[in-house]
Amino acid sequence: MASSSAPAPVQAEAFPDGTSDYVPLRKNTKLDPKKPHITDMPITWKNWYQHVNWLNTILIIMVPMIGLISSYWVPLRMKTLVFSVLYYFYTGLGITAGKSSSSRSDQPVGCPVY
């Protein structure tokens, strides 16, 4: 007669998933845990440039500048004028609607928003 015991469950092989045996691939020698982060330091004339988000600054300056420079070579037609005016108002509406909905989301119903 055959034994009635079930076979032992098969165990999965262990693989390094980084949860308990994490080893960094490279060491950051520039990171000093004793030195305070730039956001914890006050803004002065000597370190103001370290507090600037340069990616956003360049994008905010360059995108309108490219548009202004490109407008010299693009002829103004009625379609272009209507599109630019509608686009201007739609972007303003999106910003306004987004701000009003996000500012009220943390307020209880019936509370005035100041």
N, C-alpha and C. Protein backbone atom coordinates (compact mmCIF):
# COMPACT_ATOMS: atom_id res chain seq x y z
N MET A 1 0.84 -1.16 0.00
CA MET A 1 0.00 0.00 0.00
C MET A 1 0.89 1.23 0.00
N ALA A 2 0.47 2.24 -0.77
CA ALA A 2 1.27 3.45 -0.89
C ALA A 2 1.06 4.36 0.31
N SER A 3 2.04 5.14 0.60
CA SER A 3 1.91 6.05 1.73
C SER A 3 0.91 7.15 1.39
N SER A 4 0.18 7.60 2.38
CA SER A 4 -0.85 8.62 2.15
C SER A 4 -0.35 10.03 2.46
N SER A 5 0.90 10.18 2.80
CA SER A 5 1.40 11.52 3.13
C SER A 5 1.63 12.31 1.83
N ALA A 6 1.33 13.60 1.89
CA ALA A 6 1.50 14.49 0.73
C ALA A 6 2.98 14.79 0.55
N PRO A 7 3.39 15.02 -0.68
CA PRO A 7 4.79 15.37 -0.90
C PRO A 7 5.12 16.72 -0.28
N ALA A 8 6.35 16.89 0.10
CA ALA A 8 6.78 18.15 0.71
C ALA A 8 6.70 19.27 -0.33
N PRO A 9 6.24 20.46 0.10
CA PRO A 9 6.16 21.58 -0.85
C PRO A 9 7.55 21.98 -1.32
N VAL A 10 7.62 22.37 -2.58
CA VAL A 10 8.89 22.78 -3.17
C VAL A 10 9.17 24.23 -2.78
N GLN A 11 10.35 24.47 -2.25
CA GLN A 11 10.74 25.81 -1.85
C GLN A 11 11.32 26.56 -3.04
N ALA A 12 10.95 27.83 -3.16
CA ALA A 12 11.51 28.66 -4.24
C ALA A 12 12.95 29.00 -3.90
N GLU A 13 13.75 29.14 -4.94
CA GLU A 13 15.15 29.51 -4.72
C GLU A 13 15.24 30.98 -4.31
N ALA A 14 16.13 31.26 -3.42
CA ALA A 14 16.32 32.64 -2.99
C ALA A 14 17.06 33.41 -4.07
N PHE A 15 16.64 34.65 -4.26
CA PHE A 15 17.34 35.52 -5.20
C PHE A 15 17.51 36.89 -4.55
N PRO A 16 18.58 37.61 -4.91
CA PRO A 16 18.83 38.90 -4.25
C PRO A 16 17.87 39.97 -4.79
N ASP A 17 16.81 40.24 -4.05
CA ASP A 17 15.86 41.25 -4.47
C ASP A 17 16.09 42.59 -3.81
N GLY A 18 17.09 42.71 -2.98
CA GLY A 18 17.44 43.99 -2.40
C GLY A 18 16.70 44.33 -1.13
N THR A 19 15.91 43.43 -0.61
CA THR A 19 15.14 43.76 0.59
C THR A 19 15.93 43.59 1.86
N SER A 20 16.75 42.55 1.95
CA SER A 20 17.49 42.34 3.19
C SER A 20 18.99 42.30 2.99
N ASP A 21 19.44 42.05 1.78
CA ASP A 21 20.87 41.93 1.55
C ASP A 21 21.34 42.96 0.52
N TYR A 22 20.85 44.20 0.66
CA TYR A 22 21.17 45.26 -0.30
C TYR A 22 22.62 45.69 -0.18
N VAL A 23 23.30 45.73 -1.31
CA VAL A 23 24.67 46.23 -1.38
C VAL A 23 24.70 47.24 -2.52
N PRO A 24 25.08 48.51 -2.26
CA PRO A 24 25.09 49.49 -3.33
C PRO A 24 26.08 49.11 -4.43
N LEU A 25 25.71 49.40 -5.66
CA LEU A 25 26.58 49.06 -6.78
C LEU A 25 27.79 49.99 -6.85
N ARG A 26 27.59 51.23 -6.45
CA ARG A 26 28.72 52.16 -6.44
C ARG A 26 28.62 53.03 -5.19
N LYS A 27 29.75 53.49 -4.76
CA LYS A 27 29.76 54.32 -3.55
C LYS A 27 29.81 55.78 -3.96
N ASN A 28 29.03 56.58 -3.28
CA ASN A 28 29.02 58.01 -3.51
C ASN A 28 29.99 58.64 -2.52
N THR A 29 31.17 58.97 -2.99
CA THR A 29 32.19 59.52 -2.09
C THR A 29 31.93 61.00 -1.80
N LYS A 30 31.08 61.66 -2.62
CA LYS A 30 30.81 63.07 -2.38
C LYS A 30 29.81 63.27 -1.25
N LEU A 31 29.04 62.25 -0.91
CA LEU A 31 28.02 62.38 0.12
C LEU A 31 28.65 62.30 1.50
N ASP A 32 28.46 63.36 2.27
CA ASP A 32 28.97 63.41 3.63
C ASP A 32 27.76 63.50 4.57
N PRO A 33 27.48 62.47 5.35
CA PRO A 33 26.30 62.51 6.21
C PRO A 33 26.37 63.57 7.30
N LYS A 34 27.56 64.06 7.61
CA LYS A 34 27.69 65.08 8.65
C LYS A 34 27.38 66.47 8.12
N LYS A 35 27.51 66.68 6.81
CA LYS A 35 27.27 67.98 6.21
C LYS A 35 25.77 68.20 6.02
N PRO A 36 25.23 69.38 6.38
CA PRO A 36 23.79 69.61 6.22
C PRO A 36 23.40 69.73 4.74
N HIS A 37 22.17 69.35 4.43
CA HIS A 37 21.66 69.46 3.07
C HIS A 37 21.45 70.92 2.73
N ILE A 38 21.49 71.26 1.45
CA ILE A 38 21.38 72.65 1.02
C ILE A 38 20.03 73.24 1.40
N THR A 39 18.97 72.43 1.46
CA THR A 39 17.67 72.97 1.85
C THR A 39 17.60 73.32 3.32
N ASP A 40 18.52 72.79 4.12
CA ASP A 40 18.56 73.13 5.54
C ASP A 40 19.42 74.36 5.82
N MET A 41 20.11 74.87 4.80
CA MET A 41 20.97 76.02 4.97
C MET A 41 20.24 77.28 4.51
N PRO A 42 20.51 78.44 5.15
CA PRO A 42 19.86 79.67 4.71
C PRO A 42 20.42 80.15 3.37
N ILE A 43 19.60 80.89 2.65
CA ILE A 43 20.03 81.44 1.35
C ILE A 43 20.88 82.69 1.61
N THR A 44 22.07 82.70 1.04
CA THR A 44 22.97 83.85 1.15
C THR A 44 23.44 84.24 -0.25
N TRP A 45 24.19 85.32 -0.34
CA TRP A 45 24.73 85.75 -1.63
C TRP A 45 25.76 84.75 -2.16
N LYS A 46 26.37 83.97 -1.29
CA LYS A 46 27.39 83.03 -1.74
C LYS A 46 26.81 81.70 -2.21
N ASN A 47 25.61 81.31 -1.74
CA ASN A 47 25.07 80.01 -2.11
C ASN A 47 23.70 80.08 -2.78
N TRP A 48 23.26 81.25 -3.24
CA TRP A 48 21.93 81.38 -3.82
C TRP A 48 21.74 80.47 -5.03
N TYR A 49 22.78 80.29 -5.83
CA TYR A 49 22.67 79.48 -7.04
C TYR A 49 22.45 78.00 -6.75
N GLN A 50 22.81 77.54 -5.55
CA GLN A 50 22.58 76.15 -5.17
C GLN A 50 21.12 75.90 -4.81
N HIS A 51 20.40 76.95 -4.45
CA HIS A 51 18.99 76.82 -4.09
C HIS A 51 18.06 76.90 -5.30
N VAL A 52 18.58 77.29 -6.45
CA VAL A 52 17.76 77.45 -7.65
C VAL A 52 17.54 76.10 -8.31
N ASN A 53 16.31 75.82 -8.71
CA ASN A 53 16.00 74.62 -9.49
C ASN A 53 16.29 74.99 -10.95
N TRP A 54 17.47 74.62 -11.43
CA TRP A 54 17.94 75.10 -12.72
C TRP A 54 17.16 74.52 -13.89
N LEU A 55 16.68 73.30 -13.78
CA LEU A 55 15.89 72.71 -14.87
C LEU A 55 14.62 73.52 -15.09
N ASN A 56 13.87 73.79 -14.03
CA ASN A 56 12.64 74.56 -14.16
C ASN A 56 12.93 75.99 -14.60
N THR A 57 13.99 76.58 -14.10
CA THR A 57 14.33 77.94 -14.47
C THR A 57 14.63 78.05 -15.96
N ILE A 58 15.42 77.12 -16.47
CA ILE A 58 15.76 77.14 -17.89
C ILE A 58 14.52 76.92 -18.75
N LEU A 59 13.67 75.97 -18.35
CA LEU A 59 12.45 75.72 -19.12
C LEU A 59 11.51 76.92 -19.10
N ILE A 60 11.36 77.57 -17.95
CA ILE A 60 10.44 78.70 -17.85
C ILE A 60 10.95 79.89 -18.66
N ILE A 61 12.25 80.02 -18.80
CA ILE A 61 12.80 81.13 -19.57
C ILE A 61 12.89 80.78 -21.06
N MET A 62 13.31 79.56 -21.37
CA MET A 62 13.58 79.20 -22.77
C MET A 62 12.31 78.99 -23.61
N VAL A 63 11.28 78.39 -23.05
CA VAL A 63 10.07 78.11 -23.84
C VAL A 63 9.42 79.39 -24.35
N PRO A 64 9.16 80.40 -23.52
CA PRO A 64 8.61 81.65 -24.07
C PRO A 64 9.58 82.37 -25.00
N MET A 65 10.89 82.28 -24.70
CA MET A 65 11.86 82.94 -25.55
C MET A 65 11.87 82.32 -26.95
N ILE A 66 11.80 81.00 -27.03
CA ILE A 66 11.74 80.33 -28.33
C ILE A 66 10.47 80.73 -29.07
N GLY A 67 9.35 80.85 -28.34
CA GLY A 67 8.10 81.29 -28.96
C GLY A 67 8.19 82.71 -29.49
N LEU A 68 8.80 83.60 -28.73
CA LEU A 68 8.94 84.98 -29.19
C LEU A 68 9.85 85.07 -30.41
N ILE A 69 10.96 84.35 -30.37
CA ILE A 69 11.88 84.38 -31.51
C ILE A 69 11.24 83.75 -32.74
N SER A 70 10.51 82.65 -32.55
CA SER A 70 9.86 81.97 -33.67
C SER A 70 8.73 82.79 -34.25
N SER A 71 8.11 83.65 -33.46
CA SER A 71 7.00 84.46 -33.97
C SER A 71 7.45 85.44 -35.05
N TYR A 72 8.74 85.72 -35.11
CA TYR A 72 9.25 86.61 -36.17
C TYR A 72 9.09 85.96 -37.54
N TRP A 73 9.24 84.64 -37.64
CA TRP A 73 9.19 83.96 -38.92
C TRP A 73 7.82 83.36 -39.25
N VAL A 74 6.92 83.30 -38.27
CA VAL A 74 5.60 82.72 -38.51
C VAL A 74 4.64 83.86 -38.82
N PRO A 75 4.00 83.83 -40.00
CA PRO A 75 3.07 84.92 -40.32
C PRO A 75 1.80 84.79 -39.46
N LEU A 76 1.26 85.92 -39.04
CA LEU A 76 0.06 85.93 -38.23
C LEU A 76 -1.15 85.81 -39.15
N ARG A 77 -1.83 84.70 -39.05
CA ARG A 77 -3.06 84.48 -39.81
C ARG A 77 -4.21 84.40 -38.82
N MET A 78 -5.41 84.42 -39.36
CA MET A 78 -6.58 84.40 -38.50
C MET A 78 -6.64 83.10 -37.68
N LYS A 79 -6.28 81.97 -38.28
CA LYS A 79 -6.29 80.69 -37.56
C LYS A 79 -5.28 80.72 -36.41
N THR A 80 -4.12 81.28 -36.67
CA THR A 80 -3.08 81.34 -35.63
C THR A 80 -3.53 82.26 -34.50
N LEU A 81 -4.13 83.38 -34.83
CA LEU A 81 -4.60 84.33 -33.81
C LEU A 81 -5.69 83.72 -32.95
N VAL A 82 -6.69 83.08 -33.58
CA VAL A 82 -7.78 82.47 -32.82
C VAL A 82 -7.25 81.35 -31.93
N PHE A 83 -6.37 80.51 -32.48
CA PHE A 83 -5.81 79.43 -31.68
C PHE A 83 -5.04 79.98 -30.48
N SER A 84 -4.23 81.00 -30.68
CA SER A 84 -3.42 81.51 -29.57
C SER A 84 -4.29 82.14 -28.49
N VAL A 85 -5.36 82.85 -28.86
CA VAL A 85 -6.25 83.46 -27.86
C VAL A 85 -7.01 82.37 -27.10
N LEU A 86 -7.55 81.39 -27.81
CA LEU A 86 -8.27 80.30 -27.14
C LEU A 86 -7.33 79.49 -26.24
N TYR A 87 -6.14 79.21 -26.71
CA TYR A 87 -5.17 78.46 -25.92
C TYR A 87 -4.79 79.23 -24.66
N TYR A 88 -4.66 80.54 -24.77
CA TYR A 88 -4.34 81.38 -23.62
C TYR A 88 -5.42 81.27 -22.56
N PHE A 89 -6.69 81.39 -22.97
CA PHE A 89 -7.78 81.32 -22.00
C PHE A 89 -7.96 79.92 -21.44
N TYR A 90 -7.79 78.88 -22.26
CA TYR A 90 -7.93 77.51 -21.77
C TYR A 90 -6.84 77.17 -20.75
N THR A 91 -5.61 77.61 -20.97
CA THR A 91 -4.56 77.33 -19.99
C THR A 91 -4.81 78.08 -18.70
N GLY A 92 -5.31 79.32 -18.80
CA GLY A 92 -5.65 80.06 -17.59
C GLY A 92 -6.79 79.42 -16.84
N LEU A 93 -7.77 78.91 -17.57
CA LEU A 93 -8.89 78.22 -16.93
C LEU A 93 -8.42 76.95 -16.24
N GLY A 94 -7.52 76.22 -16.89
CA GLY A 94 -7.01 75.00 -16.28
C GLY A 94 -6.24 75.27 -15.00
N ILE A 95 -5.47 76.32 -14.99
CA ILE A 95 -4.70 76.68 -13.79
C ILE A 95 -5.65 77.12 -12.69
N THR A 96 -6.65 77.95 -13.04
CA THR A 96 -7.59 78.44 -12.04
C THR A 96 -8.45 77.30 -11.49
N ALA A 97 -8.97 76.45 -12.35
CA ALA A 97 -9.81 75.34 -11.90
C ALA A 97 -9.00 74.36 -11.07
N GLY A 98 -7.77 74.11 -11.46
CA GLY A 98 -6.92 73.21 -10.68
C GLY A 98 -6.62 73.77 -9.30
N LYS A 99 -6.39 75.06 -9.21
CA LYS A 99 -6.09 75.68 -7.93
C LYS A 99 -7.31 75.66 -7.03
N SER A 100 -8.48 75.98 -7.57
CA SER A 100 -9.67 76.04 -6.72
C SER A 100 -10.08 74.66 -6.25
N SER A 101 -9.92 73.65 -7.10
CA SER A 101 -10.32 72.32 -6.65
C SER A 101 -9.32 71.74 -5.67
N SER A 102 -8.04 72.06 -5.81
CA SER A 102 -7.06 71.51 -4.88
C SER A 102 -7.09 72.24 -3.54
N SER A 103 -7.46 73.52 -3.53
CA SER A 103 -7.48 74.25 -2.27
C SER A 103 -8.68 73.87 -1.43
N ARG A 104 -9.76 73.42 -2.04
CA ARG A 104 -10.95 73.05 -1.29
C ARG A 104 -10.95 71.60 -0.87
N SER A 105 -10.05 70.81 -1.40
CA SER A 105 -10.09 69.39 -1.10
C SER A 105 -9.74 69.08 0.35
N ASP A 106 -8.98 69.95 1.00
CA ASP A 106 -8.61 69.67 2.38
C ASP A 106 -9.54 70.36 3.37
N GLN A 107 -10.55 71.10 2.88
CA GLN A 107 -11.49 71.78 3.74
C GLN A 107 -12.75 70.96 3.88
N PRO A 108 -13.34 70.93 5.09
CA PRO A 108 -14.63 70.26 5.24
C PRO A 108 -15.71 71.01 4.45
N VAL A 109 -16.76 70.31 4.09
CA VAL A 109 -17.85 70.91 3.33
C VAL A 109 -18.51 71.98 4.18
N GLY A 110 -18.74 73.15 3.60
CA GLY A 110 -19.40 74.24 4.29
C GLY A 110 -18.45 75.23 4.94
N CYS A 111 -17.16 74.94 4.99
CA CYS A 111 -16.20 75.88 5.57
C CYS A 111 -15.75 76.87 4.51
N PRO A 112 -15.72 78.15 4.82
CA PRO A 112 -15.26 79.12 3.82
C PRO A 112 -13.77 78.98 3.58
N VAL A 113 -13.36 79.23 2.34
CA VAL A 113 -11.94 79.18 1.97
C VAL A 113 -11.42 80.60 1.92
N TYR A 114 -10.43 80.88 2.73
CA TYR A 114 -9.86 82.24 2.77
C TYR A 114 -8.57 82.30 2.04
